Amino acid sequence: MTIEYSAAREGRIQHPARRGFLQQVLGAGALALAAPSLWAGVHRAPERSLVLKNLHTGEALRATYWADGRYLGEELRAVNRVLRDHRTGEVHDMDPALLDLLYLLQQSVAVQGAFHVISGYRSPASNALLRSHSNGVARHSLHMQGRAIDIRLPGCRLAHLRKAALALKAGGVGYYPKSDFIHVDTGRVRRW
């Protein structure tokens, strides 16, 4: 709506396909603003797939979670299951934008293979338990909303993965070199 208003005010006419593209990009939120050329490539991709390996359960999943211009419910449910809280077994919907962030991150580092998942969804009970043992766990962690994941990517140096995640400016990025993982989320842009 704002796009149409400013274009009309400036006397420009927008092509309908361009308007649809811009609305789609704006709907993608911070990720679209982070890396426009990479994000444009994501939108042109006929499919978006990820390979995830949950290090606590040993489960691995190859999921094509987006195809034919839409997110695929059955594949998203499979992702939710693999990224469940391994302590409680509780399954929660993961933010599709988080999956897009992982997809874009993998494209930017050009390393294929499975993301090793240390933590996906975390129930409030699990989060409280972890907080009681560590001061590095946020009280209102985005893990509890399905908007955060702790990962590593074999074949990609952790420092390089972190640098690529920071360059996307698509949310929070935490760096845990002693524990060999990074945290990425779809919250506000920040780093630690």
N, C-alpha and C. Protein backbone atom coordinates (compact mmCIF):
# COMPACT_ATOMS: atom_id res chain seq x y z
N MET A 1 0.82 -1.19 0.00
CA MET A 1 0.00 0.00 0.00
C MET A 1 0.87 1.25 0.00
N THR A 2 1.85 1.31 0.85
CA THR A 2 2.77 2.44 0.89
C THR A 2 3.53 2.55 -0.42
N ILE A 3 3.91 1.42 -0.98
CA ILE A 3 4.65 1.41 -2.24
C ILE A 3 3.80 2.05 -3.33
N GLU A 4 2.54 1.67 -3.43
CA GLU A 4 1.66 2.22 -4.47
C GLU A 4 1.48 3.72 -4.27
N TYR A 5 1.32 4.15 -3.02
CA TYR A 5 1.10 5.56 -2.75
C TYR A 5 2.31 6.39 -3.18
N SER A 6 3.52 5.96 -2.78
CA SER A 6 4.70 6.74 -3.14
C SER A 6 4.93 6.72 -4.65
N ALA A 7 4.65 5.60 -5.30
CA ALA A 7 4.81 5.55 -6.76
C ALA A 7 3.82 6.48 -7.44
N ALA A 8 2.58 6.50 -6.97
CA ALA A 8 1.58 7.38 -7.57
C ALA A 8 1.95 8.83 -7.34
N ARG A 9 2.43 9.15 -6.14
CA ARG A 9 2.78 10.52 -5.81
C ARG A 9 3.91 11.00 -6.71
N GLU A 10 4.83 10.11 -7.06
CA GLU A 10 5.95 10.50 -7.91
C GLU A 10 5.62 10.41 -9.39
N GLY A 11 4.38 10.04 -9.70
CA GLY A 11 3.97 9.99 -11.09
C GLY A 11 4.47 8.78 -11.85
N ARG A 12 4.91 7.73 -11.12
CA ARG A 12 5.37 6.53 -11.79
C ARG A 12 4.26 5.50 -11.78
N ILE A 13 4.25 4.66 -12.76
CA ILE A 13 3.30 3.57 -12.83
C ILE A 13 4.06 2.29 -12.55
N GLN A 14 3.51 1.48 -11.65
CA GLN A 14 4.17 0.23 -11.33
C GLN A 14 3.55 -0.90 -12.13
N HIS A 15 4.40 -1.75 -12.62
CA HIS A 15 3.95 -2.95 -13.32
C HIS A 15 3.38 -3.91 -12.28
N PRO A 16 2.23 -4.58 -12.55
CA PRO A 16 1.64 -5.48 -11.56
C PRO A 16 2.58 -6.58 -11.08
N ALA A 17 3.40 -7.12 -11.97
CA ALA A 17 4.33 -8.18 -11.56
C ALA A 17 5.36 -7.63 -10.58
N ARG A 18 5.81 -6.42 -10.81
CA ARG A 18 6.78 -5.78 -9.92
C ARG A 18 6.13 -5.52 -8.56
N ARG A 19 4.88 -5.06 -8.58
CA ARG A 19 4.17 -4.81 -7.33
C ARG A 19 4.05 -6.11 -6.52
N GLY A 20 3.69 -7.21 -7.18
CA GLY A 20 3.57 -8.50 -6.49
C GLY A 20 4.89 -8.94 -5.92
N PHE A 21 5.96 -8.75 -6.70
CA PHE A 21 7.29 -9.11 -6.23
C PHE A 21 7.65 -8.28 -5.00
N LEU A 22 7.40 -6.97 -5.05
CA LEU A 22 7.74 -6.11 -3.92
C LEU A 22 6.93 -6.48 -2.69
N GLN A 23 5.66 -6.80 -2.86
CA GLN A 23 4.84 -7.20 -1.73
C GLN A 23 5.37 -8.50 -1.14
N GLN A 24 5.78 -9.42 -1.99
CA GLN A 24 6.33 -10.68 -1.51
C GLN A 24 7.61 -10.44 -0.75
N VAL A 25 8.47 -9.58 -1.26
CA VAL A 25 9.73 -9.28 -0.60
C VAL A 25 9.47 -8.58 0.73
N LEU A 26 8.58 -7.60 0.74
CA LEU A 26 8.29 -6.89 1.98
C LEU A 26 7.67 -7.83 3.00
N GLY A 27 6.89 -8.77 2.55
CA GLY A 27 6.31 -9.76 3.45
C GLY A 27 7.36 -10.65 4.07
N ALA A 28 8.49 -10.77 3.46
CA ALA A 28 9.56 -11.60 4.00
C ALA A 28 10.29 -10.91 5.14
N GLY A 29 10.01 -9.63 5.36
CA GLY A 29 10.54 -8.92 6.52
C GLY A 29 12.02 -8.61 6.43
N ALA A 30 12.67 -8.75 7.57
CA ALA A 30 14.07 -8.36 7.68
C ALA A 30 14.98 -9.12 6.75
N LEU A 31 14.63 -10.35 6.44
CA LEU A 31 15.47 -11.15 5.56
C LEU A 31 15.60 -10.50 4.19
N ALA A 32 14.52 -9.91 3.70
CA ALA A 32 14.56 -9.26 2.40
C ALA A 32 15.48 -8.05 2.41
N LEU A 33 15.49 -7.34 3.52
CA LEU A 33 16.33 -6.15 3.61
C LEU A 33 17.79 -6.52 3.82
N ALA A 34 18.02 -7.72 4.34
CA ALA A 34 19.37 -8.13 4.70
C ALA A 34 20.28 -8.31 3.51
N ALA A 35 19.85 -9.05 2.54
CA ALA A 35 20.71 -9.38 1.41
C ALA A 35 19.84 -9.45 0.16
N PRO A 36 19.51 -8.28 -0.43
CA PRO A 36 18.57 -8.25 -1.55
C PRO A 36 18.94 -9.15 -2.70
N SER A 37 20.21 -9.22 -3.06
CA SER A 37 20.56 -10.05 -4.22
C SER A 37 20.41 -11.53 -3.89
N LEU A 38 20.79 -11.94 -2.69
CA LEU A 38 20.60 -13.32 -2.30
C LEU A 38 19.12 -13.64 -2.17
N TRP A 39 18.37 -12.73 -1.56
CA TRP A 39 16.94 -12.97 -1.36
C TRP A 39 16.21 -13.05 -2.70
N ALA A 40 16.62 -12.23 -3.66
CA ALA A 40 15.99 -12.30 -4.98
C ALA A 40 16.22 -13.68 -5.59
N GLY A 41 17.40 -14.22 -5.39
CA GLY A 41 17.69 -15.57 -5.87
C GLY A 41 16.84 -16.62 -5.18
N VAL A 42 16.57 -16.42 -3.90
CA VAL A 42 15.72 -17.34 -3.15
C VAL A 42 14.32 -17.33 -3.75
N HIS A 43 13.80 -16.16 -4.06
CA HIS A 43 12.44 -16.06 -4.62
C HIS A 43 12.35 -16.69 -6.00
N ARG A 44 13.45 -16.70 -6.73
CA ARG A 44 13.43 -17.32 -8.06
C ARG A 44 13.61 -18.82 -7.99
N ALA A 45 14.10 -19.31 -6.86
CA ALA A 45 14.33 -20.75 -6.72
C ALA A 45 12.98 -21.48 -6.77
N PRO A 46 12.87 -22.50 -7.61
CA PRO A 46 11.59 -23.23 -7.70
C PRO A 46 11.27 -23.98 -6.41
N GLU A 47 12.30 -24.32 -5.64
CA GLU A 47 12.11 -25.05 -4.39
C GLU A 47 13.12 -24.55 -3.36
N ARG A 48 12.75 -24.69 -2.09
CA ARG A 48 13.69 -24.44 -1.00
C ARG A 48 13.73 -25.69 -0.15
N SER A 49 14.93 -26.22 0.01
CA SER A 49 15.12 -27.46 0.77
C SER A 49 16.21 -27.28 1.81
N LEU A 50 16.10 -28.05 2.86
CA LEU A 50 17.10 -28.08 3.91
C LEU A 50 17.32 -29.53 4.33
N VAL A 51 18.52 -29.81 4.80
CA VAL A 51 18.80 -31.08 5.45
C VAL A 51 19.16 -30.74 6.89
N LEU A 52 18.43 -31.36 7.81
CA LEU A 52 18.62 -31.09 9.23
C LEU A 52 18.93 -32.39 9.96
N LYS A 53 19.90 -32.34 10.86
CA LYS A 53 20.21 -33.50 11.69
C LYS A 53 20.16 -33.07 13.15
N ASN A 54 19.22 -33.63 13.89
CA ASN A 54 19.08 -33.34 15.30
C ASN A 54 20.12 -34.17 16.05
N LEU A 55 21.08 -33.52 16.66
CA LEU A 55 22.18 -34.22 17.31
C LEU A 55 21.76 -34.93 18.59
N HIS A 56 20.63 -34.55 19.17
CA HIS A 56 20.16 -35.20 20.40
C HIS A 56 19.36 -36.46 20.13
N THR A 57 18.60 -36.47 19.04
CA THR A 57 17.75 -37.63 18.74
C THR A 57 18.35 -38.52 17.66
N GLY A 58 19.32 -37.98 16.91
CA GLY A 58 19.92 -38.73 15.81
C GLY A 58 19.08 -38.69 14.53
N GLU A 59 17.92 -38.06 14.59
CA GLU A 59 17.05 -37.99 13.42
C GLU A 59 17.63 -37.03 12.38
N ALA A 60 17.45 -37.38 11.13
CA ALA A 60 17.85 -36.52 10.02
C ALA A 60 16.67 -36.40 9.08
N LEU A 61 16.57 -35.27 8.44
CA LEU A 61 15.45 -34.99 7.55
C LEU A 61 15.93 -34.15 6.38
N ARG A 62 15.55 -34.55 5.19
CA ARG A 62 15.71 -33.71 4.00
C ARG A 62 14.30 -33.23 3.68
N ALA A 63 14.07 -31.93 3.77
CA ALA A 63 12.73 -31.39 3.57
C ALA A 63 12.74 -30.31 2.50
N THR A 64 11.90 -30.49 1.50
CA THR A 64 11.61 -29.42 0.56
C THR A 64 10.37 -28.75 1.12
N TYR A 65 10.60 -27.68 1.87
CA TYR A 65 9.54 -27.05 2.65
C TYR A 65 8.79 -25.96 1.89
N TRP A 66 9.32 -25.58 0.72
CA TRP A 66 8.69 -24.54 -0.09
C TRP A 66 8.81 -24.94 -1.55
N ALA A 67 7.69 -24.92 -2.26
CA ALA A 67 7.68 -25.24 -3.70
C ALA A 67 6.39 -24.69 -4.29
N ASP A 68 6.42 -24.47 -5.58
CA ASP A 68 5.24 -23.96 -6.30
C ASP A 68 4.69 -22.69 -5.66
N GLY A 69 5.60 -21.85 -5.16
CA GLY A 69 5.20 -20.55 -4.63
C GLY A 69 4.55 -20.58 -3.26
N ARG A 70 4.72 -21.68 -2.52
CA ARG A 70 4.09 -21.73 -1.19
C ARG A 70 4.86 -22.68 -0.26
N TYR A 71 4.64 -22.46 1.03
CA TYR A 71 5.18 -23.37 2.03
C TYR A 71 4.34 -24.64 2.02
N LEU A 72 4.98 -25.77 2.21
CA LEU A 72 4.31 -27.07 2.16
C LEU A 72 4.06 -27.58 3.57
N GLY A 73 2.78 -27.65 3.94
CA GLY A 73 2.37 -27.99 5.29
C GLY A 73 2.94 -29.30 5.80
N GLU A 74 2.89 -30.34 4.99
CA GLU A 74 3.38 -31.65 5.43
C GLU A 74 4.88 -31.60 5.72
N GLU A 75 5.62 -30.91 4.88
CA GLU A 75 7.07 -30.79 5.09
C GLU A 75 7.36 -29.93 6.32
N LEU A 76 6.59 -28.86 6.52
CA LEU A 76 6.79 -28.03 7.71
C LEU A 76 6.52 -28.84 8.98
N ARG A 77 5.50 -29.68 8.95
CA ARG A 77 5.21 -30.53 10.11
C ARG A 77 6.36 -31.49 10.39
N ALA A 78 6.97 -32.01 9.33
CA ALA A 78 8.13 -32.91 9.50
C ALA A 78 9.31 -32.15 10.11
N VAL A 79 9.53 -30.92 9.67
CA VAL A 79 10.59 -30.08 10.24
C VAL A 79 10.29 -29.83 11.72
N ASN A 80 9.04 -29.48 12.03
CA ASN A 80 8.66 -29.22 13.42
C ASN A 80 8.97 -30.45 14.30
N ARG A 81 8.70 -31.62 13.77
CA ARG A 81 8.92 -32.86 14.52
C ARG A 81 10.42 -33.06 14.80
N VAL A 82 11.26 -32.86 13.80
CA VAL A 82 12.71 -33.05 13.98
C VAL A 82 13.28 -31.98 14.92
N LEU A 83 12.72 -30.78 14.89
CA LEU A 83 13.23 -29.68 15.72
C LEU A 83 12.52 -29.58 17.07
N ARG A 84 11.77 -30.61 17.45
CA ARG A 84 11.03 -30.59 18.71
C ARG A 84 11.99 -30.51 19.90
N ASP A 85 11.43 -30.21 21.05
CA ASP A 85 12.18 -30.19 22.30
C ASP A 85 12.55 -31.64 22.64
N HIS A 86 13.81 -31.97 22.56
CA HIS A 86 14.23 -33.36 22.80
C HIS A 86 14.08 -33.77 24.27
N ARG A 87 13.95 -32.81 25.16
CA ARG A 87 13.79 -33.14 26.59
C ARG A 87 12.36 -33.57 26.90
N THR A 88 11.38 -32.87 26.31
CA THR A 88 9.97 -33.13 26.63
C THR A 88 9.22 -33.84 25.51
N GLY A 89 9.77 -33.81 24.31
CA GLY A 89 9.08 -34.37 23.16
C GLY A 89 8.04 -33.44 22.57
N GLU A 90 7.92 -32.25 23.15
CA GLU A 90 6.91 -31.28 22.70
C GLU A 90 7.28 -30.74 21.31
N VAL A 91 6.30 -30.76 20.41
CA VAL A 91 6.46 -30.25 19.05
C VAL A 91 5.80 -28.89 18.98
N HIS A 92 6.44 -27.96 18.30
CA HIS A 92 5.93 -26.60 18.15
C HIS A 92 6.17 -26.14 16.73
N ASP A 93 5.30 -25.30 16.21
CA ASP A 93 5.51 -24.75 14.86
C ASP A 93 6.76 -23.89 14.83
N MET A 94 7.63 -24.17 13.89
CA MET A 94 8.81 -23.36 13.68
C MET A 94 8.46 -22.25 12.70
N ASP A 95 9.06 -21.10 12.87
CA ASP A 95 8.83 -19.95 12.01
C ASP A 95 9.37 -20.26 10.61
N PRO A 96 8.52 -20.24 9.57
CA PRO A 96 9.04 -20.49 8.22
C PRO A 96 10.15 -19.51 7.82
N ALA A 97 10.11 -18.29 8.35
CA ALA A 97 11.18 -17.32 8.06
C ALA A 97 12.52 -17.81 8.60
N LEU A 98 12.50 -18.60 9.68
CA LEU A 98 13.74 -19.17 10.21
C LEU A 98 14.31 -20.19 9.23
N LEU A 99 13.42 -20.97 8.62
CA LEU A 99 13.87 -21.93 7.61
C LEU A 99 14.45 -21.19 6.41
N ASP A 100 13.79 -20.11 6.02
CA ASP A 100 14.31 -19.30 4.91
C ASP A 100 15.67 -18.71 5.26
N LEU A 101 15.83 -18.30 6.51
CA LEU A 101 17.12 -17.77 6.95
C LEU A 101 18.20 -18.84 6.82
N LEU A 102 17.88 -20.07 7.25
CA LEU A 102 18.85 -21.17 7.12
C LEU A 102 19.17 -21.45 5.66
N TYR A 103 18.12 -21.46 4.84
CA TYR A 103 18.32 -21.69 3.41
C TYR A 103 19.24 -20.62 2.82
N LEU A 104 18.97 -19.38 3.12
CA LEU A 104 19.77 -18.28 2.62
C LEU A 104 21.19 -18.33 3.16
N LEU A 105 21.33 -18.68 4.43
CA LEU A 105 22.66 -18.81 5.03
C LEU A 105 23.46 -19.90 4.31
N GLN A 106 22.83 -21.01 4.04
CA GLN A 106 23.53 -22.09 3.35
C GLN A 106 23.92 -21.68 1.93
N GLN A 107 23.05 -20.95 1.26
CA GLN A 107 23.39 -20.47 -0.08
C GLN A 107 24.57 -19.50 -0.02
N SER A 108 24.61 -18.66 1.01
CA SER A 108 25.66 -17.65 1.09
C SER A 108 27.03 -18.25 1.39
N VAL A 109 27.08 -19.36 2.14
CA VAL A 109 28.38 -19.99 2.43
C VAL A 109 28.75 -21.05 1.40
N ALA A 110 27.79 -21.43 0.56
CA ALA A 110 28.01 -22.40 -0.52
C ALA A 110 28.58 -23.73 -0.01
N VAL A 111 28.04 -24.19 1.12
CA VAL A 111 28.42 -25.49 1.68
C VAL A 111 27.14 -26.31 1.81
N GLN A 112 27.11 -27.40 1.10
CA GLN A 112 25.94 -28.27 1.15
C GLN A 112 26.07 -29.24 2.32
N GLY A 113 25.01 -29.97 2.58
CA GLY A 113 25.03 -30.95 3.66
C GLY A 113 24.03 -30.60 4.72
N ALA A 114 24.05 -31.38 5.77
CA ALA A 114 23.07 -31.23 6.84
C ALA A 114 23.52 -30.20 7.87
N PHE A 115 22.60 -29.34 8.25
CA PHE A 115 22.82 -28.50 9.42
C PHE A 115 22.73 -29.42 10.62
N HIS A 116 23.71 -29.37 11.48
CA HIS A 116 23.66 -30.10 12.74
C HIS A 116 22.94 -29.20 13.74
N VAL A 117 21.85 -29.71 14.28
CA VAL A 117 20.99 -28.92 15.17
C VAL A 117 21.27 -29.29 16.62
N ILE A 118 21.69 -28.30 17.38
CA ILE A 118 21.93 -28.46 18.80
C ILE A 118 20.64 -28.19 19.56
N SER A 119 19.91 -27.16 19.13
CA SER A 119 18.65 -26.81 19.77
C SER A 119 17.75 -26.12 18.76
N GLY A 120 16.53 -26.62 18.66
CA GLY A 120 15.50 -25.97 17.84
C GLY A 120 14.47 -25.39 18.78
N TYR A 121 13.26 -25.97 18.77
CA TYR A 121 12.24 -25.54 19.71
C TYR A 121 12.66 -25.94 21.13
N ARG A 122 12.33 -25.07 22.06
CA ARG A 122 12.60 -25.34 23.47
C ARG A 122 11.35 -24.96 24.27
N SER A 123 10.79 -25.91 24.99
CA SER A 123 9.60 -25.64 25.80
C SER A 123 9.96 -24.70 26.94
N PRO A 124 8.97 -24.00 27.50
CA PRO A 124 9.26 -23.14 28.65
C PRO A 124 9.90 -23.92 29.81
N ALA A 125 9.48 -25.17 30.02
CA ALA A 125 10.07 -25.98 31.10
C ALA A 125 11.54 -26.26 30.82
N SER A 126 11.86 -26.62 29.60
CA SER A 126 13.27 -26.88 29.24
C SER A 126 14.09 -25.61 29.33
N ASN A 127 13.51 -24.50 28.89
CA ASN A 127 14.23 -23.23 28.95
C ASN A 127 14.54 -22.86 30.40
N ALA A 128 13.56 -23.06 31.29
CA ALA A 128 13.78 -22.76 32.72
C ALA A 128 14.86 -23.67 33.30
N LEU A 129 14.84 -24.93 32.92
CA LEU A 129 15.86 -25.87 33.38
C LEU A 129 17.25 -25.42 32.93
N LEU A 130 17.38 -25.07 31.66
CA LEU A 130 18.67 -24.61 31.14
C LEU A 130 19.11 -23.31 31.81
N ARG A 131 18.16 -22.41 32.06
CA ARG A 131 18.49 -21.14 32.74
C ARG A 131 19.02 -21.38 34.14
N SER A 132 18.50 -22.41 34.80
CA SER A 132 18.94 -22.69 36.17
C SER A 132 20.38 -23.20 36.21
N HIS A 133 20.89 -23.66 35.06
CA HIS A 133 22.26 -24.18 34.99
C HIS A 133 23.23 -23.27 34.24
N SER A 134 22.70 -22.21 33.61
CA SER A 134 23.56 -21.35 32.80
C SER A 134 23.00 -19.94 32.74
N ASN A 135 23.88 -18.97 32.80
CA ASN A 135 23.42 -17.58 32.66
C ASN A 135 23.36 -17.17 31.19
N GLY A 136 23.70 -18.08 30.27
CA GLY A 136 23.68 -17.77 28.84
C GLY A 136 22.35 -18.09 28.18
N VAL A 137 21.32 -18.43 28.96
CA VAL A 137 20.01 -18.77 28.40
C VAL A 137 19.04 -17.63 28.72
N ALA A 138 18.45 -17.05 27.69
CA ALA A 138 17.54 -15.92 27.86
C ALA A 138 16.22 -16.36 28.49
N ARG A 139 15.71 -15.56 29.39
CA ARG A 139 14.43 -15.84 30.05
C ARG A 139 13.30 -15.94 29.03
N HIS A 140 13.31 -15.06 28.04
CA HIS A 140 12.26 -15.03 27.01
C HIS A 140 12.84 -15.49 25.67
N SER A 141 13.55 -16.59 25.70
CA SER A 141 14.24 -17.09 24.52
C SER A 141 13.31 -17.28 23.33
N LEU A 142 13.78 -16.90 22.16
CA LEU A 142 13.01 -17.11 20.93
C LEU A 142 12.92 -18.58 20.57
N HIS A 143 13.72 -19.43 21.19
CA HIS A 143 13.58 -20.87 21.01
C HIS A 143 12.17 -21.30 21.43
N MET A 144 11.61 -20.66 22.45
CA MET A 144 10.29 -21.03 22.97
C MET A 144 9.16 -20.63 22.01
N GLN A 145 9.47 -19.80 21.03
CA GLN A 145 8.49 -19.39 20.03
C GLN A 145 8.74 -20.06 18.68
N GLY A 146 9.72 -20.93 18.59
CA GLY A 146 10.06 -21.56 17.32
C GLY A 146 10.73 -20.60 16.36
N ARG A 147 11.38 -19.57 16.90
CA ARG A 147 12.01 -18.54 16.07
C ARG A 147 13.52 -18.52 16.19
N ALA A 148 14.11 -19.59 16.80
CA ALA A 148 15.56 -19.63 16.99
C ALA A 148 16.06 -21.06 16.83
N ILE A 149 17.33 -21.15 16.45
CA ILE A 149 17.95 -22.46 16.29
C ILE A 149 19.45 -22.32 16.54
N ASP A 150 20.03 -23.34 17.15
CA ASP A 150 21.48 -23.41 17.38
C ASP A 150 22.03 -24.48 16.45
N ILE A 151 23.02 -24.10 15.66
CA ILE A 151 23.48 -24.98 14.57
C ILE A 151 24.99 -24.94 14.37
N ARG A 152 25.45 -25.91 13.63
CA ARG A 152 26.76 -25.87 12.99
C ARG A 152 26.56 -26.49 11.61
N LEU A 153 27.49 -26.27 10.71
CA LEU A 153 27.40 -26.81 9.36
C LEU A 153 28.73 -27.45 9.01
N PRO A 154 28.81 -28.79 9.09
CA PRO A 154 30.07 -29.46 8.76
C PRO A 154 30.57 -29.04 7.38
N GLY A 155 31.87 -28.78 7.32
CA GLY A 155 32.48 -28.32 6.08
C GLY A 155 32.58 -26.80 6.00
N CYS A 156 31.99 -26.13 6.99
CA CYS A 156 32.05 -24.66 7.04
C CYS A 156 32.61 -24.27 8.40
N ARG A 157 33.70 -23.53 8.38
CA ARG A 157 34.28 -23.07 9.65
C ARG A 157 33.23 -22.27 10.42
N LEU A 158 33.15 -22.47 11.71
CA LEU A 158 32.15 -21.80 12.53
C LEU A 158 32.26 -20.28 12.42
N ALA A 159 33.48 -19.76 12.41
CA ALA A 159 33.67 -18.30 12.29
C ALA A 159 33.13 -17.80 10.96
N HIS A 160 33.28 -18.57 9.91
CA HIS A 160 32.77 -18.18 8.59
C HIS A 160 31.24 -18.21 8.58
N LEU A 161 30.67 -19.23 9.21
CA LEU A 161 29.20 -19.33 9.29
C LEU A 161 28.64 -18.14 10.06
N ARG A 162 29.29 -17.79 11.15
CA ARG A 162 28.87 -16.62 11.94
C ARG A 162 28.95 -15.35 11.11
N LYS A 163 30.06 -15.17 10.41
CA LYS A 163 30.25 -13.96 9.60
C LYS A 163 29.15 -13.87 8.54
N ALA A 164 28.82 -14.98 7.91
CA ALA A 164 27.76 -15.00 6.89
C ALA A 164 26.41 -14.67 7.52
N ALA A 165 26.14 -15.22 8.70
CA ALA A 165 24.87 -14.94 9.38
C ALA A 165 24.78 -13.46 9.75
N LEU A 166 25.86 -12.89 10.23
CA LEU A 166 25.86 -11.46 10.56
C LEU A 166 25.63 -10.61 9.32
N ALA A 167 26.22 -11.00 8.20
CA ALA A 167 26.07 -10.23 6.96
C ALA A 167 24.62 -10.20 6.48
N LEU A 168 23.85 -11.22 6.80
CA LEU A 168 22.45 -11.25 6.38
C LEU A 168 21.61 -10.20 7.10
N LYS A 169 22.02 -9.83 8.32
CA LYS A 169 21.28 -8.85 9.12
C LYS A 169 19.79 -9.19 9.16
N ALA A 170 19.53 -10.47 9.44
CA ALA A 170 18.16 -10.96 9.41
C ALA A 170 17.61 -11.31 10.78
N GLY A 171 18.38 -11.07 11.83
CA GLY A 171 17.94 -11.41 13.18
C GLY A 171 19.15 -11.50 14.09
N GLY A 172 18.96 -12.17 15.21
CA GLY A 172 20.04 -12.32 16.17
C GLY A 172 21.03 -13.39 15.78
N VAL A 173 22.30 -13.15 16.12
CA VAL A 173 23.36 -14.13 15.86
C VAL A 173 24.22 -14.22 17.12
N GLY A 174 24.27 -15.42 17.68
CA GLY A 174 25.12 -15.67 18.84
C GLY A 174 26.25 -16.59 18.42
N TYR A 175 27.41 -16.38 19.02
CA TYR A 175 28.61 -17.14 18.64
C TYR A 175 29.13 -17.88 19.86
N TYR A 176 29.19 -19.20 19.76
CA TYR A 176 29.62 -20.06 20.87
C TYR A 176 30.73 -20.99 20.40
N PRO A 177 31.93 -20.44 20.17
CA PRO A 177 33.01 -21.26 19.61
C PRO A 177 33.45 -22.41 20.53
N LYS A 178 33.39 -22.23 21.84
CA LYS A 178 33.79 -23.31 22.76
C LYS A 178 32.82 -24.48 22.68
N SER A 179 31.56 -24.19 22.39
CA SER A 179 30.55 -25.25 22.27
C SER A 179 30.33 -25.64 20.81
N ASP A 180 31.01 -24.97 19.89
CA ASP A 180 30.99 -25.29 18.46
C ASP A 180 29.61 -25.14 17.81
N PHE A 181 28.96 -23.99 18.05
CA PHE A 181 27.72 -23.70 17.35
C PHE A 181 27.47 -22.20 17.30
N ILE A 182 26.59 -21.83 16.38
CA ILE A 182 26.08 -20.46 16.37
C ILE A 182 24.57 -20.54 16.60
N HIS A 183 24.04 -19.46 17.09
CA HIS A 183 22.60 -19.28 17.28
C HIS A 183 22.14 -18.29 16.22
N VAL A 184 21.04 -18.58 15.54
CA VAL A 184 20.41 -17.60 14.66
C VAL A 184 18.93 -17.58 15.00
N ASP A 185 18.34 -16.39 14.86
CA ASP A 185 16.91 -16.26 15.13
C ASP A 185 16.30 -15.19 14.24
N THR A 186 14.99 -15.12 14.27
CA THR A 186 14.25 -14.15 13.44
C THR A 186 13.78 -12.96 14.26
N GLY A 187 14.44 -12.72 15.36
CA GLY A 187 14.14 -11.54 16.18
C GLY A 187 14.83 -10.32 15.61
N ARG A 188 14.96 -9.30 16.45
CA ARG A 188 15.63 -8.06 16.00
C ARG A 188 17.11 -8.35 15.73
N VAL A 189 17.70 -7.54 14.90
CA VAL A 189 19.12 -7.71 14.55
C VAL A 189 19.97 -7.34 15.75
N ARG A 190 20.78 -8.31 16.20
CA ARG A 190 21.70 -8.10 17.31
C ARG A 190 22.75 -9.21 17.26
N ARG A 191 23.78 -9.05 18.07
CA ARG A 191 24.86 -10.04 18.08
C ARG A 191 25.40 -10.18 19.48
N TRP A 192 25.94 -11.35 19.76
CA TRP A 192 26.62 -11.59 21.03
C TRP A 192 27.61 -12.71 20.85
